[in-house]
Amino acid sequence: MARSRGYAPFESSPGQDALLDQIIAHATTAGSNGVGVFDLDGCLFDTRPRQVKIIREYASIHDALDLYCIREEHFTDWSLATTMRNAGIPEERIQSLKQALADFWFKRFFQSEYVVHDHAMPGAVDLVKRCHAAGLKIAYLTGRDINMRAGTLQSIEAWGFPLDGQDARLFTKPTFEMDDTEYKDQALLEIANMATPVLFMDNEPANVNKFRERHPESLVVFVETDHSPRKDEPHSEIPWLRSFSRSA
């Protein structure tokens, strides 16, 4: 399949309704004997509102009022220069801003107080709640580190995702520096103590490939929003969703 095309919260991929139904059916069949593993950034949550918040904060502090034209739809990858180009900012201005803006962004994007600005992806709360109501245990497995945990818990609860600390739990990296895929691979051992992993959803190709390798009997779903610039591609047999929205 092609590289991810960015967020499209209301678009449908081929067979998307059927795949959403399959996820619920899979959760129902497994019930309390299974655990569903869900990524957060770019999967259950849209991080673009967090990014807009950070850029507008920079604009206010540095009187860079032209940055206020940047909106969520301008984020198509992880390059702030691309984002500014998509917003129509002149190239000379982009070159003068990009390093200072990137430094400002980096100091804030991975902080607990900023993750609360993320929005749940349309349809994501309903899907996870239906899986949980069917008896499936829930593991939120994220590349966010322990310093982002408080804000992440606040966001999960505020948007209405199941969270009880026992059958619906959050797993975060112990340190920022740890590689996301390496951490998630290790965390699967702890998650398996909850129940048998039967469902995985993530927007990073390397992660879904690793999940499929570890649990080939599970339903592994690639969520096509955005992902890191790594060159991994999802395995051709992994089904994918463009969003959590239904066509009707």
Foldseek 3Di string as FASTA:
>chain_A
DDAFFAADLADWDVCRVVVLVVLLVLLLVCAQQAAAEEEEDLTQWDCLQLVLVQQVVVCVVVVVVLSNLQDSVLDGAPQVLSSCVSSVDDPVVSVVCRPVSVVSCVVRSLAQVSSLRIDGRVQSQVSQVSSVVSRHFYEHQYARAPRNVVSVVVNCVVNNHDDDCQRHHYDYHPDNPDDRLVVVLVCVVVVVVSHHYAHYEEQEQSNLQSVCVVCVNHQYEHARHYDDPDPHDHPPPHHYTPHNHDPD
